N, C-alpha and C. Protein backbone atom coordinates (compact mmCIF):
# COMPACT_ATOMS: atom_id res chain seq x y z
N MET A 1 -21.95 12.76 30.78
CA MET A 1 -21.32 13.27 29.60
C MET A 1 -20.38 12.21 29.03
N ARG A 2 -20.43 12.04 27.70
CA ARG A 2 -19.61 11.02 27.06
C ARG A 2 -18.16 11.45 26.97
N ARG A 3 -17.30 10.46 27.08
CA ARG A 3 -15.88 10.69 26.90
C ARG A 3 -15.59 10.64 25.40
N PRO A 4 -14.73 11.50 24.89
CA PRO A 4 -14.41 11.45 23.45
C PRO A 4 -13.71 10.13 23.11
N ARG A 5 -13.89 9.71 21.88
CA ARG A 5 -13.31 8.46 21.42
C ARG A 5 -11.79 8.53 21.48
N ARG A 6 -11.18 7.49 22.02
CA ARG A 6 -9.73 7.45 22.15
C ARG A 6 -9.14 6.44 21.18
N ASN A 7 -8.01 6.78 20.62
CA ASN A 7 -7.27 5.87 19.76
C ASN A 7 -5.99 5.47 20.49
N HIS A 8 -5.81 4.16 20.66
CA HIS A 8 -4.64 3.67 21.38
C HIS A 8 -3.59 3.18 20.40
N THR A 9 -2.34 3.38 20.77
CA THR A 9 -1.24 2.93 19.92
C THR A 9 -1.09 1.42 20.02
N ALA A 10 -0.41 0.86 19.04
CA ALA A 10 -0.17 -0.58 19.04
C ALA A 10 0.69 -0.98 20.24
N ALA A 11 1.62 -0.13 20.61
CA ALA A 11 2.48 -0.43 21.76
C ALA A 11 1.66 -0.51 23.05
N PHE A 12 0.71 0.42 23.21
CA PHE A 12 -0.14 0.40 24.40
C PHE A 12 -1.00 -0.86 24.43
N LYS A 13 -1.57 -1.21 23.26
CA LYS A 13 -2.41 -2.40 23.18
C LYS A 13 -1.60 -3.65 23.53
N ALA A 14 -0.37 -3.72 23.03
CA ALA A 14 0.48 -4.88 23.33
C ALA A 14 0.82 -4.94 24.82
N LYS A 15 1.08 -3.79 25.40
CA LYS A 15 1.41 -3.72 26.83
C LYS A 15 0.24 -4.23 27.67
N VAL A 16 -0.97 -3.79 27.33
CA VAL A 16 -2.16 -4.21 28.07
C VAL A 16 -2.42 -5.70 27.87
N ALA A 17 -2.31 -6.16 26.62
CA ALA A 17 -2.57 -7.57 26.32
C ALA A 17 -1.56 -8.48 27.02
N LEU A 18 -0.30 -8.07 27.05
CA LEU A 18 0.71 -8.86 27.74
C LEU A 18 0.46 -8.90 29.25
N ALA A 19 0.02 -7.78 29.80
CA ALA A 19 -0.31 -7.75 31.22
C ALA A 19 -1.47 -8.69 31.52
N ALA A 20 -2.44 -8.74 30.63
CA ALA A 20 -3.57 -9.65 30.81
C ALA A 20 -3.14 -11.09 30.65
N LEU A 21 -2.20 -11.33 29.75
CA LEU A 21 -1.72 -12.68 29.50
C LEU A 21 -0.91 -13.22 30.68
N LYS A 22 -0.20 -12.34 31.37
CA LYS A 22 0.58 -12.77 32.53
C LYS A 22 -0.33 -13.36 33.61
N GLY A 23 -1.47 -12.75 33.82
CA GLY A 23 -2.42 -13.27 34.81
C GLY A 23 -2.11 -12.87 36.23
N ASP A 24 -1.21 -11.91 36.42
CA ASP A 24 -0.88 -11.45 37.77
C ASP A 24 -2.05 -10.70 38.41
N LYS A 25 -2.78 -9.96 37.59
CA LYS A 25 -3.90 -9.16 38.09
C LYS A 25 -5.18 -9.60 37.40
N THR A 26 -6.29 -9.33 38.03
CA THR A 26 -7.59 -9.66 37.43
C THR A 26 -7.91 -8.65 36.34
N LEU A 27 -8.90 -9.01 35.53
CA LEU A 27 -9.33 -8.09 34.48
C LEU A 27 -9.84 -6.78 35.06
N ALA A 28 -10.53 -6.86 36.18
CA ALA A 28 -11.05 -5.64 36.81
C ALA A 28 -9.91 -4.72 37.26
N GLU A 29 -8.87 -5.32 37.80
CA GLU A 29 -7.72 -4.51 38.24
C GLU A 29 -7.01 -3.89 37.04
N LEU A 30 -6.86 -4.66 35.98
CA LEU A 30 -6.21 -4.13 34.77
C LEU A 30 -7.06 -3.03 34.14
N ALA A 31 -8.36 -3.23 34.12
CA ALA A 31 -9.26 -2.23 33.55
C ALA A 31 -9.16 -0.92 34.31
N GLU A 32 -9.07 -1.01 35.61
CA GLU A 32 -8.95 0.20 36.43
C GLU A 32 -7.58 0.86 36.23
N LYS A 33 -6.54 0.03 36.18
CA LYS A 33 -5.19 0.55 36.03
C LYS A 33 -5.00 1.28 34.69
N PHE A 34 -5.49 0.69 33.61
CA PHE A 34 -5.30 1.26 32.28
C PHE A 34 -6.47 2.11 31.82
N ASP A 35 -7.50 2.25 32.64
CA ASP A 35 -8.69 3.04 32.33
C ASP A 35 -9.35 2.54 31.03
N LEU A 36 -9.62 1.23 31.00
CA LEU A 36 -10.25 0.57 29.86
C LEU A 36 -11.38 -0.30 30.36
N HIS A 37 -12.20 -0.76 29.42
CA HIS A 37 -13.25 -1.72 29.74
C HIS A 37 -12.64 -3.11 29.69
N ALA A 38 -13.11 -4.01 30.53
CA ALA A 38 -12.58 -5.37 30.60
C ALA A 38 -12.75 -6.10 29.26
N ASN A 39 -13.85 -5.83 28.57
CA ASN A 39 -14.07 -6.48 27.27
C ASN A 39 -13.00 -6.08 26.26
N GLN A 40 -12.56 -4.83 26.32
CA GLN A 40 -11.52 -4.36 25.41
C GLN A 40 -10.21 -5.07 25.68
N ILE A 41 -9.90 -5.27 26.94
CA ILE A 41 -8.67 -5.97 27.31
C ILE A 41 -8.73 -7.41 26.82
N THR A 42 -9.87 -8.05 27.00
CA THR A 42 -10.04 -9.43 26.54
C THR A 42 -9.90 -9.52 25.03
N GLN A 43 -10.45 -8.55 24.31
CA GLN A 43 -10.36 -8.54 22.85
C GLN A 43 -8.91 -8.40 22.40
N TRP A 44 -8.16 -7.50 23.00
CA TRP A 44 -6.77 -7.30 22.64
C TRP A 44 -5.94 -8.54 22.98
N LYS A 45 -6.25 -9.18 24.09
CA LYS A 45 -5.54 -10.40 24.49
C LYS A 45 -5.78 -11.50 23.45
N THR A 46 -7.01 -11.64 22.99
CA THR A 46 -7.35 -12.63 21.97
C THR A 46 -6.62 -12.33 20.66
N GLN A 47 -6.59 -11.06 20.26
CA GLN A 47 -5.88 -10.67 19.05
C GLN A 47 -4.39 -10.99 19.15
N LEU A 48 -3.82 -10.76 20.31
CA LEU A 48 -2.40 -11.05 20.52
C LEU A 48 -2.15 -12.54 20.37
N LEU A 49 -2.99 -13.36 20.97
CA LEU A 49 -2.80 -14.81 20.89
C LEU A 49 -2.98 -15.32 19.46
N GLN A 50 -3.93 -14.76 18.72
CA GLN A 50 -4.16 -15.20 17.35
C GLN A 50 -3.04 -14.75 16.42
N GLY A 51 -2.47 -13.59 16.66
CA GLY A 51 -1.43 -13.07 15.79
C GLY A 51 -0.02 -13.44 16.20
N ALA A 52 0.13 -14.16 17.29
CA ALA A 52 1.47 -14.48 17.79
C ALA A 52 2.25 -15.36 16.82
N THR A 53 1.60 -16.22 16.07
CA THR A 53 2.32 -17.09 15.15
C THR A 53 2.96 -16.28 14.02
N GLY A 54 2.37 -15.16 13.66
CA GLY A 54 2.92 -14.32 12.60
C GLY A 54 4.28 -13.75 12.93
N VAL A 55 4.61 -13.65 14.19
CA VAL A 55 5.89 -13.10 14.61
C VAL A 55 7.03 -14.03 14.18
N PHE A 56 6.78 -15.32 14.17
CA PHE A 56 7.83 -16.29 13.91
C PHE A 56 7.86 -16.81 12.48
N LEU A 57 7.03 -16.24 11.59
CA LEU A 57 7.03 -16.67 10.20
C LEU A 57 8.27 -16.15 9.48
N THR A 58 8.80 -16.96 8.58
CA THR A 58 9.92 -16.51 7.76
C THR A 58 9.37 -15.60 6.66
N PRO A 59 10.21 -14.81 6.01
CA PRO A 59 9.72 -13.93 4.93
C PRO A 59 9.01 -14.71 3.82
N ALA A 60 9.50 -15.91 3.50
CA ALA A 60 8.85 -16.72 2.45
C ALA A 60 7.45 -17.15 2.89
N GLU A 61 7.31 -17.51 4.15
CA GLU A 61 5.99 -17.92 4.66
C GLU A 61 5.03 -16.73 4.71
N LYS A 62 5.54 -15.55 4.99
CA LYS A 62 4.69 -14.36 5.02
C LYS A 62 4.16 -14.04 3.63
N ARG A 63 4.97 -14.25 2.60
CA ARG A 63 4.51 -14.01 1.22
C ARG A 63 3.41 -14.99 0.85
N GLU A 64 3.51 -16.22 1.31
CA GLU A 64 2.49 -17.23 1.02
C GLU A 64 1.16 -16.88 1.67
N VAL A 65 1.22 -16.33 2.86
CA VAL A 65 0.01 -16.00 3.61
C VAL A 65 -0.72 -14.81 3.00
N VAL A 66 0.00 -13.94 2.30
CA VAL A 66 -0.57 -12.70 1.79
C VAL A 66 -1.78 -12.95 0.90
N GLY A 67 -1.69 -13.87 -0.02
CA GLY A 67 -2.83 -14.12 -0.89
C GLY A 67 -2.45 -14.95 -2.09
N PRO A 68 -3.31 -14.97 -3.10
CA PRO A 68 -3.05 -15.79 -4.28
C PRO A 68 -1.86 -15.25 -5.08
N SER A 69 -1.26 -16.14 -5.86
CA SER A 69 -0.10 -15.75 -6.64
C SER A 69 -0.52 -14.94 -7.87
N VAL A 70 0.47 -14.35 -8.51
CA VAL A 70 0.22 -13.55 -9.71
C VAL A 70 -0.35 -14.44 -10.81
N GLN A 71 0.18 -15.65 -10.93
CA GLN A 71 -0.31 -16.58 -11.96
C GLN A 71 -1.78 -16.92 -11.75
N ASP A 72 -2.18 -17.14 -10.50
CA ASP A 72 -3.58 -17.43 -10.22
C ASP A 72 -4.47 -16.25 -10.60
N MET A 73 -4.00 -15.05 -10.28
CA MET A 73 -4.80 -13.87 -10.60
C MET A 73 -4.91 -13.66 -12.11
N GLN A 74 -3.80 -13.88 -12.84
CA GLN A 74 -3.84 -13.74 -14.29
C GLN A 74 -4.76 -14.78 -14.93
N ALA A 75 -4.76 -16.00 -14.40
CA ALA A 75 -5.65 -17.03 -14.91
C ALA A 75 -7.11 -16.65 -14.67
N LYS A 76 -7.40 -16.09 -13.52
CA LYS A 76 -8.77 -15.66 -13.21
C LYS A 76 -9.19 -14.51 -14.12
N ILE A 77 -8.28 -13.57 -14.38
CA ILE A 77 -8.59 -12.46 -15.28
C ILE A 77 -8.89 -12.97 -16.68
N GLY A 78 -8.09 -13.94 -17.15
CA GLY A 78 -8.33 -14.53 -18.46
C GLY A 78 -9.68 -15.21 -18.55
N GLN A 79 -10.03 -15.94 -17.50
CA GLN A 79 -11.33 -16.63 -17.46
C GLN A 79 -12.47 -15.63 -17.49
N LEU A 80 -12.37 -14.57 -16.70
CA LEU A 80 -13.43 -13.56 -16.67
C LEU A 80 -13.54 -12.82 -18.00
N ALA A 81 -12.41 -12.54 -18.64
CA ALA A 81 -12.44 -11.88 -19.95
C ALA A 81 -13.13 -12.77 -20.98
N LEU A 82 -12.85 -14.07 -20.94
CA LEU A 82 -13.48 -15.01 -21.86
C LEU A 82 -14.99 -15.06 -21.63
N GLU A 83 -15.39 -15.11 -20.36
CA GLU A 83 -16.82 -15.13 -20.04
C GLU A 83 -17.51 -13.84 -20.51
N ASN A 84 -16.85 -12.71 -20.32
CA ASN A 84 -17.43 -11.42 -20.76
C ASN A 84 -17.61 -11.39 -22.27
N ASP A 85 -16.59 -11.87 -23.00
CA ASP A 85 -16.68 -11.89 -24.47
C ASP A 85 -17.83 -12.79 -24.92
N PHE A 86 -17.95 -13.97 -24.29
CA PHE A 86 -19.01 -14.91 -24.65
C PHE A 86 -20.38 -14.30 -24.39
N LEU A 87 -20.56 -13.72 -23.21
CA LEU A 87 -21.86 -13.15 -22.87
C LEU A 87 -22.18 -11.93 -23.72
N SER A 88 -21.17 -11.16 -24.06
CA SER A 88 -21.39 -10.00 -24.90
C SER A 88 -21.85 -10.42 -26.29
N SER A 89 -21.21 -11.44 -26.85
CA SER A 89 -21.63 -11.91 -28.17
C SER A 89 -23.02 -12.55 -28.10
N ALA A 90 -23.32 -13.26 -27.03
CA ALA A 90 -24.65 -13.86 -26.88
C ALA A 90 -25.71 -12.77 -26.76
N LEU A 91 -25.41 -11.71 -26.07
CA LEU A 91 -26.36 -10.61 -25.93
C LEU A 91 -26.57 -9.90 -27.26
N ASP A 92 -25.50 -9.76 -28.05
CA ASP A 92 -25.63 -9.15 -29.37
C ASP A 92 -26.55 -10.00 -30.26
N ARG A 93 -26.37 -11.33 -30.18
CA ARG A 93 -27.21 -12.22 -30.99
C ARG A 93 -28.68 -12.13 -30.56
N MET A 94 -28.92 -12.01 -29.27
CA MET A 94 -30.30 -11.90 -28.78
C MET A 94 -30.91 -10.57 -29.25
N GLY A 95 -30.14 -9.53 -29.25
CA GLY A 95 -30.62 -8.24 -29.71
C GLY A 95 -30.97 -8.26 -31.18
N ASP A 96 -30.19 -8.98 -32.00
CA ASP A 96 -30.46 -9.10 -33.42
C ASP A 96 -31.73 -9.88 -33.66
N ALA A 97 -31.95 -10.94 -32.88
CA ALA A 97 -33.13 -11.79 -33.07
C ALA A 97 -34.41 -11.03 -32.72
N SER A 98 -34.36 -10.23 -31.68
CA SER A 98 -35.57 -9.49 -31.27
C SER A 98 -35.85 -8.35 -32.25
N ALA A 99 -34.84 -7.85 -32.91
CA ALA A 99 -35.04 -6.75 -33.87
C ALA A 99 -35.71 -7.26 -35.14
N LYS A 100 -35.53 -8.54 -35.48
CA LYS A 100 -36.11 -9.10 -36.69
C LYS A 100 -37.60 -9.36 -36.54
N ARG A 101 -38.10 -9.49 -35.35
CA ARG A 101 -39.51 -9.82 -35.11
C ARG A 101 -40.40 -8.77 -35.59
């Protein structure tokens, strides 16, 4: 019989990942202790190591990581609007030419 899907809290995941990072116990021992699969523990450990640099980022650095600036997005919107207008007018001209035939 299948076990129902479990959702673990971030605190539990951090606790397990830190225990795996310490290296005091083997993955098999940790899996038995926390009632998890060893692959899940390895995945959480990898996520912890990859996200550890984010803990030490300053607020300004975190804003930079979020994504493109407002100016970049506005420039892209302007470019796309220009392309849409051009293609719309070109399509209108093609429609007029085919109607004359």
